[in-house]
Amino acid sequence: MARANRASASFLERNRVNPSDKMKLLLVAVLVALLALSAEGFRVTRQTEEEEQAGTLTKITDKVKSLYQDTVSTASGYLESIRGLKLEEKAKNIYLDTSTVVSTYANIAHDQIYHFFYAPQ
């Protein structure tokens, strides 16, 4: 009998469950129970005959087409708002002004260097 108690005690000692594992198991059990209860109470609304006849592939392609159209219309709106700001014209004017100023100062620097090296005697 003592041997049986010792054997069962060693079995229990070897297979002792960690308290954190117990909490994890309890949490999983509660989540599964909640999922089962919510799935039981979930009712699917009736769909129209047209939607029922449409296949999965048709639904996916229709969704992709609508998303593409939304993206194109949004991008077109952004482009129109940018064109409304006339950024191209402003950038062109800034480039012309900058190139005029830079060329003027480059010519001045060129003249200064030329007269520095080739000064009249």
N, C-alpha and C. Protein backbone atom coordinates (compact mmCIF):
# COMPACT_ATOMS: atom_id res chain seq x y z
N MET A 1 0.82 -1.18 0.00
CA MET A 1 0.00 0.00 0.00
C MET A 1 0.86 1.25 0.00
N ALA A 2 1.92 1.24 0.79
CA ALA A 2 2.82 2.38 0.85
C ALA A 2 3.48 2.60 -0.50
N ARG A 3 3.74 1.46 -1.15
CA ARG A 3 4.36 1.57 -2.47
C ARG A 3 3.39 2.20 -3.48
N ALA A 4 2.10 1.86 -3.36
CA ALA A 4 1.08 2.40 -4.26
C ALA A 4 0.92 3.90 -4.02
N ASN A 5 0.94 4.32 -2.74
CA ASN A 5 0.84 5.74 -2.44
C ASN A 5 2.06 6.49 -2.98
N ARG A 6 3.22 5.84 -2.80
CA ARG A 6 4.43 6.47 -3.30
C ARG A 6 4.42 6.56 -4.83
N ALA A 7 3.91 5.53 -5.49
CA ALA A 7 3.84 5.54 -6.95
C ALA A 7 2.85 6.60 -7.44
N SER A 8 1.70 6.70 -6.78
CA SER A 8 0.72 7.70 -7.20
C SER A 8 1.21 9.10 -6.86
N ALA A 9 1.91 9.26 -5.77
CA ALA A 9 2.44 10.58 -5.41
C ALA A 9 3.50 11.01 -6.42
N SER A 10 4.34 10.07 -6.82
CA SER A 10 5.37 10.45 -7.79
C SER A 10 4.73 10.77 -9.15
N PHE A 11 3.65 10.06 -9.48
CA PHE A 11 2.95 10.36 -10.73
C PHE A 11 2.36 11.78 -10.67
N LEU A 12 1.75 12.14 -9.55
CA LEU A 12 1.17 13.47 -9.40
C LEU A 12 2.25 14.54 -9.37
N GLU A 13 3.37 14.22 -8.75
CA GLU A 13 4.45 15.19 -8.71
C GLU A 13 5.04 15.41 -10.09
N ARG A 14 5.13 14.36 -10.86
CA ARG A 14 5.68 14.49 -12.21
C ARG A 14 4.73 15.22 -13.15
N ASN A 15 3.45 15.04 -13.00
CA ASN A 15 2.46 15.61 -13.91
C ASN A 15 1.72 16.80 -13.29
N ARG A 16 2.39 17.54 -12.47
CA ARG A 16 1.78 18.69 -11.83
C ARG A 16 1.60 19.79 -12.88
N VAL A 17 0.43 20.43 -12.87
CA VAL A 17 0.10 21.46 -13.85
C VAL A 17 0.50 22.82 -13.29
N ASN A 18 1.16 23.57 -14.09
CA ASN A 18 1.60 24.91 -13.71
C ASN A 18 0.37 25.82 -13.57
N PRO A 19 0.32 26.69 -12.56
CA PRO A 19 -0.85 27.58 -12.40
C PRO A 19 -1.09 28.50 -13.59
N SER A 20 -0.03 28.95 -14.24
CA SER A 20 -0.23 29.79 -15.41
C SER A 20 -0.86 29.00 -16.56
N ASP A 21 -0.51 27.70 -16.66
CA ASP A 21 -1.14 26.86 -17.68
C ASP A 21 -2.61 26.64 -17.38
N LYS A 22 -2.96 26.56 -16.10
CA LYS A 22 -4.36 26.42 -15.71
C LYS A 22 -5.15 27.66 -16.13
N MET A 23 -4.56 28.83 -15.93
CA MET A 23 -5.23 30.07 -16.30
C MET A 23 -5.41 30.15 -17.82
N LYS A 24 -4.39 29.74 -18.56
CA LYS A 24 -4.49 29.75 -20.01
C LYS A 24 -5.59 28.80 -20.48
N LEU A 25 -5.65 27.62 -19.89
CA LEU A 25 -6.67 26.64 -20.25
C LEU A 25 -8.06 27.16 -19.92
N LEU A 26 -8.20 27.80 -18.77
CA LEU A 26 -9.49 28.38 -18.38
C LEU A 26 -9.89 29.49 -19.35
N LEU A 27 -8.95 30.33 -19.73
CA LEU A 27 -9.22 31.41 -20.66
C LEU A 27 -9.66 30.87 -22.02
N VAL A 28 -8.99 29.85 -22.51
CA VAL A 28 -9.36 29.25 -23.79
C VAL A 28 -10.76 28.64 -23.69
N ALA A 29 -11.08 27.98 -22.58
CA ALA A 29 -12.39 27.37 -22.42
C ALA A 29 -13.49 28.44 -22.41
N VAL A 30 -13.24 29.56 -21.72
CA VAL A 30 -14.23 30.64 -21.68
C VAL A 30 -14.41 31.25 -23.06
N LEU A 31 -13.33 31.47 -23.78
CA LEU A 31 -13.44 32.04 -25.11
C LEU A 31 -14.19 31.12 -26.07
N VAL A 32 -13.94 29.83 -25.97
CA VAL A 32 -14.64 28.86 -26.83
C VAL A 32 -16.13 28.86 -26.48
N ALA A 33 -16.45 28.93 -25.19
CA ALA A 33 -17.86 28.96 -24.78
C ALA A 33 -18.55 30.22 -25.30
N LEU A 34 -17.88 31.37 -25.19
CA LEU A 34 -18.47 32.62 -25.68
C LEU A 34 -18.65 32.58 -27.20
N LEU A 35 -17.69 32.02 -27.88
CA LEU A 35 -17.78 31.90 -29.33
C LEU A 35 -18.95 31.00 -29.72
N ALA A 36 -19.11 29.91 -29.01
CA ALA A 36 -20.20 28.99 -29.31
C ALA A 36 -21.55 29.66 -29.06
N LEU A 37 -21.66 30.41 -27.96
CA LEU A 37 -22.92 31.09 -27.67
C LEU A 37 -23.23 32.19 -28.67
N SER A 38 -22.21 32.93 -29.08
CA SER A 38 -22.46 34.00 -30.04
C SER A 38 -22.75 33.43 -31.42
N ALA A 39 -22.14 32.32 -31.78
CA ALA A 39 -22.41 31.71 -33.07
C ALA A 39 -23.82 31.12 -33.11
N GLU A 40 -24.28 30.66 -31.97
CA GLU A 40 -25.63 30.09 -31.90
C GLU A 40 -26.69 31.18 -32.08
N GLY A 41 -26.42 32.35 -31.53
CA GLY A 41 -27.39 33.44 -31.61
C GLY A 41 -27.29 34.25 -32.88
N PHE A 42 -26.30 33.99 -33.71
CA PHE A 42 -26.09 34.76 -34.93
C PHE A 42 -27.04 34.28 -36.01
N ARG A 43 -27.76 35.23 -36.61
CA ARG A 43 -28.68 34.87 -37.69
C ARG A 43 -28.28 35.63 -38.94
N VAL A 44 -28.30 34.94 -40.03
CA VAL A 44 -27.94 35.54 -41.31
C VAL A 44 -29.20 36.18 -41.89
N THR A 45 -29.05 37.44 -42.34
CA THR A 45 -30.20 38.09 -42.96
C THR A 45 -30.45 37.49 -44.34
N ARG A 46 -31.67 37.55 -44.76
CA ARG A 46 -32.01 36.99 -46.07
C ARG A 46 -31.46 37.89 -47.16
N GLN A 47 -30.90 37.26 -48.15
CA GLN A 47 -30.34 37.99 -49.27
C GLN A 47 -31.31 37.97 -50.43
N THR A 48 -31.16 38.93 -51.30
CA THR A 48 -32.02 38.95 -52.47
C THR A 48 -31.66 37.80 -53.38
N GLU A 49 -32.57 37.47 -54.27
CA GLU A 49 -32.32 36.34 -55.17
C GLU A 49 -31.13 36.60 -56.07
N GLU A 50 -30.93 37.87 -56.45
CA GLU A 50 -29.80 38.21 -57.33
C GLU A 50 -28.48 37.93 -56.65
N GLU A 51 -28.39 38.29 -55.37
CA GLU A 51 -27.14 38.05 -54.63
C GLU A 51 -26.94 36.57 -54.38
N GLU A 52 -28.02 35.85 -54.18
CA GLU A 52 -27.89 34.41 -53.94
C GLU A 52 -27.41 33.70 -55.20
N GLN A 53 -27.84 34.18 -56.37
CA GLN A 53 -27.44 33.53 -57.61
C GLN A 53 -26.01 33.88 -58.00
N ALA A 54 -25.55 35.04 -57.56
CA ALA A 54 -24.18 35.44 -57.90
C ALA A 54 -23.20 34.55 -57.17
N GLY A 55 -22.19 34.09 -57.90
CA GLY A 55 -21.21 33.21 -57.31
C GLY A 55 -20.16 33.99 -56.52
N THR A 56 -19.32 33.27 -55.84
CA THR A 56 -18.28 33.88 -55.03
C THR A 56 -17.31 34.67 -55.90
N LEU A 57 -16.96 34.10 -57.05
CA LEU A 57 -16.03 34.78 -57.95
C LEU A 57 -16.62 36.10 -58.46
N THR A 58 -17.90 36.10 -58.75
CA THR A 58 -18.56 37.32 -59.21
C THR A 58 -18.56 38.38 -58.12
N LYS A 59 -18.83 37.97 -56.89
CA LYS A 59 -18.82 38.91 -55.77
C LYS A 59 -17.43 39.52 -55.58
N ILE A 60 -16.41 38.68 -55.69
CA ILE A 60 -15.03 39.16 -55.50
C ILE A 60 -14.65 40.13 -56.60
N THR A 61 -14.98 39.78 -57.85
CA THR A 61 -14.62 40.68 -58.95
C THR A 61 -15.39 41.99 -58.87
N ASP A 62 -16.66 41.94 -58.46
CA ASP A 62 -17.42 43.17 -58.30
C ASP A 62 -16.82 44.05 -57.21
N LYS A 63 -16.39 43.44 -56.13
CA LYS A 63 -15.78 44.20 -55.04
C LYS A 63 -14.46 44.82 -55.49
N VAL A 64 -13.65 44.05 -56.22
CA VAL A 64 -12.37 44.57 -56.71
C VAL A 64 -12.61 45.72 -57.69
N LYS A 65 -13.61 45.57 -58.56
CA LYS A 65 -13.93 46.64 -59.51
C LYS A 65 -14.37 47.91 -58.79
N SER A 66 -15.19 47.77 -57.77
CA SER A 66 -15.66 48.95 -57.04
C SER A 66 -14.51 49.61 -56.29
N LEU A 67 -13.62 48.81 -55.71
CA LEU A 67 -12.46 49.38 -55.03
C LEU A 67 -11.54 50.10 -56.01
N TYR A 68 -11.37 49.53 -57.20
CA TYR A 68 -10.54 50.16 -58.23
C TYR A 68 -11.16 51.48 -58.67
N GLN A 69 -12.46 51.50 -58.88
CA GLN A 69 -13.14 52.73 -59.28
C GLN A 69 -13.02 53.80 -58.20
N ASP A 70 -13.15 53.40 -56.93
CA ASP A 70 -12.98 54.35 -55.83
C ASP A 70 -11.57 54.92 -55.81
N THR A 71 -10.59 54.06 -56.02
CA THR A 71 -9.19 54.50 -56.02
C THR A 71 -8.92 55.47 -57.17
N VAL A 72 -9.43 55.15 -58.35
CA VAL A 72 -9.23 56.01 -59.51
C VAL A 72 -9.91 57.35 -59.30
N SER A 73 -11.11 57.35 -58.76
CA SER A 73 -11.81 58.62 -58.55
C SER A 73 -11.11 59.46 -57.49
N THR A 74 -10.59 58.83 -56.45
CA THR A 74 -9.86 59.57 -55.42
C THR A 74 -8.58 60.17 -55.99
N ALA A 75 -7.84 59.37 -56.77
CA ALA A 75 -6.61 59.87 -57.38
C ALA A 75 -6.92 61.00 -58.36
N SER A 76 -7.99 60.88 -59.11
CA SER A 76 -8.37 61.95 -60.05
C SER A 76 -8.71 63.23 -59.29
N GLY A 77 -9.39 63.08 -58.17
CA GLY A 77 -9.71 64.25 -57.34
C GLY A 77 -8.45 64.93 -56.84
N TYR A 78 -7.48 64.13 -56.40
CA TYR A 78 -6.21 64.71 -55.93
C TYR A 78 -5.50 65.44 -57.07
N LEU A 79 -5.47 64.84 -58.26
CA LEU A 79 -4.82 65.48 -59.40
C LEU A 79 -5.50 66.79 -59.77
N GLU A 80 -6.82 66.80 -59.74
CA GLU A 80 -7.55 68.03 -60.06
C GLU A 80 -7.26 69.12 -59.03
N SER A 81 -7.16 68.74 -57.76
CA SER A 81 -6.87 69.75 -56.74
C SER A 81 -5.44 70.28 -56.89
N ILE A 82 -4.52 69.43 -57.32
CA ILE A 82 -3.15 69.88 -57.55
C ILE A 82 -3.10 70.79 -58.77
N ARG A 83 -3.83 70.44 -59.83
CA ARG A 83 -3.87 71.30 -61.01
C ARG A 83 -4.52 72.64 -60.68
N GLY A 84 -5.47 72.62 -59.77
CA GLY A 84 -6.12 73.85 -59.36
C GLY A 84 -5.17 74.80 -58.67
N LEU A 85 -4.14 74.27 -58.04
CA LEU A 85 -3.15 75.12 -57.36
C LEU A 85 -2.13 75.70 -58.34
N LYS A 86 -2.14 75.22 -59.58
CA LYS A 86 -1.22 75.67 -60.63
C LYS A 86 0.25 75.52 -60.18
N LEU A 87 0.56 74.36 -59.64
CA LEU A 87 1.91 74.10 -59.14
C LEU A 87 2.92 74.04 -60.27
N GLU A 88 2.52 73.54 -61.43
CA GLU A 88 3.46 73.44 -62.55
C GLU A 88 3.92 74.84 -62.98
N GLU A 89 2.97 75.76 -63.05
CA GLU A 89 3.32 77.13 -63.44
C GLU A 89 4.22 77.79 -62.39
N LYS A 90 3.91 77.54 -61.12
CA LYS A 90 4.73 78.12 -60.05
C LYS A 90 6.14 77.54 -60.07
N ALA A 91 6.25 76.24 -60.28
CA ALA A 91 7.56 75.60 -60.34
C ALA A 91 8.36 76.13 -61.54
N LYS A 92 7.70 76.32 -62.66
CA LYS A 92 8.37 76.86 -63.85
C LYS A 92 8.88 78.27 -63.59
N ASN A 93 8.05 79.10 -62.95
CA ASN A 93 8.47 80.47 -62.63
C ASN A 93 9.65 80.49 -61.65
N ILE A 94 9.60 79.62 -60.64
CA ILE A 94 10.71 79.55 -59.67
C ILE A 94 11.99 79.11 -60.38
N TYR A 95 11.89 78.14 -61.29
CA TYR A 95 13.07 77.68 -62.02
C TYR A 95 13.65 78.80 -62.87
N LEU A 96 12.79 79.52 -63.58
CA LEU A 96 13.28 80.61 -64.43
C LEU A 96 13.94 81.71 -63.60
N ASP A 97 13.33 82.08 -62.49
CA ASP A 97 13.91 83.12 -61.63
C ASP A 97 15.25 82.67 -61.06
N THR A 98 15.30 81.43 -60.60
CA THR A 98 16.53 80.91 -60.01
C THR A 98 17.64 80.82 -61.05
N SER A 99 17.31 80.31 -62.24
CA SER A 99 18.34 80.18 -63.27
C SER A 99 18.85 81.56 -63.71
N THR A 100 17.98 82.57 -63.74
CA THR A 100 18.41 83.92 -64.10
C THR A 100 19.37 84.48 -63.05
N VAL A 101 19.04 84.31 -61.78
CA VAL A 101 19.89 84.81 -60.70
C VAL A 101 21.22 84.08 -60.69
N VAL A 102 21.18 82.76 -60.82
CA VAL A 102 22.42 81.97 -60.79
C VAL A 102 23.31 82.33 -61.96
N SER A 103 22.74 82.48 -63.14
CA SER A 103 23.57 82.83 -64.30
C SER A 103 24.18 84.22 -64.14
N THR A 104 23.43 85.15 -63.55
CA THR A 104 23.97 86.49 -63.31
C THR A 104 25.17 86.43 -62.37
N TYR A 105 25.00 85.75 -61.24
CA TYR A 105 26.10 85.65 -60.28
C TYR A 105 27.26 84.83 -60.84
N ALA A 106 26.99 83.85 -61.67
CA ALA A 106 28.07 83.07 -62.29
C ALA A 106 28.87 83.95 -63.24
N ASN A 107 28.19 84.80 -63.99
CA ASN A 107 28.89 85.72 -64.88
C ASN A 107 29.73 86.73 -64.10
N ILE A 108 29.19 87.21 -62.99
CA ILE A 108 29.95 88.13 -62.15
C ILE A 108 31.20 87.45 -61.61
N ALA A 109 31.04 86.23 -61.10
CA ALA A 109 32.18 85.49 -60.57
C ALA A 109 33.20 85.23 -61.67
N HIS A 110 32.75 84.90 -62.87
CA HIS A 110 33.65 84.66 -63.99
C HIS A 110 34.45 85.92 -64.31
N ASP A 111 33.79 87.06 -64.35
CA ASP A 111 34.49 88.32 -64.62
C ASP A 111 35.52 88.63 -63.53
N GLN A 112 35.16 88.40 -62.29
CA GLN A 112 36.07 88.67 -61.18
C GLN A 112 37.31 87.79 -61.28
N ILE A 113 37.12 86.52 -61.57
CA ILE A 113 38.26 85.60 -61.67
C ILE A 113 39.12 85.97 -62.89
N TYR A 114 38.49 86.32 -63.99
CA TYR A 114 39.22 86.70 -65.19
C TYR A 114 40.09 87.94 -64.92
N HIS A 115 39.52 88.93 -64.29
CA HIS A 115 40.27 90.15 -64.03
C HIS A 115 41.32 89.97 -62.93
N PHE A 116 41.10 88.96 -62.08
CA PHE A 116 42.10 88.66 -61.05
C PHE A 116 43.35 88.09 -61.70
N PHE A 117 43.18 87.17 -62.65
CA PHE A 117 44.33 86.54 -63.29
C PHE A 117 44.91 87.38 -64.44
N TYR A 118 44.07 88.07 -65.17
CA TYR A 118 44.50 88.84 -66.33
C TYR A 118 44.28 90.35 -66.10
N ALA A 119 44.80 90.82 -65.05
CA ALA A 119 44.62 92.22 -64.72
C ALA A 119 45.41 93.10 -65.71
N PRO A 120 44.86 94.26 -66.09
CA PRO A 120 45.59 95.14 -67.02
C PRO A 120 46.82 95.71 -66.34
N GLN A 121 47.90 95.80 -67.05
CA GLN A 121 49.17 96.23 -66.44
C GLN A 121 49.50 97.63 -66.70
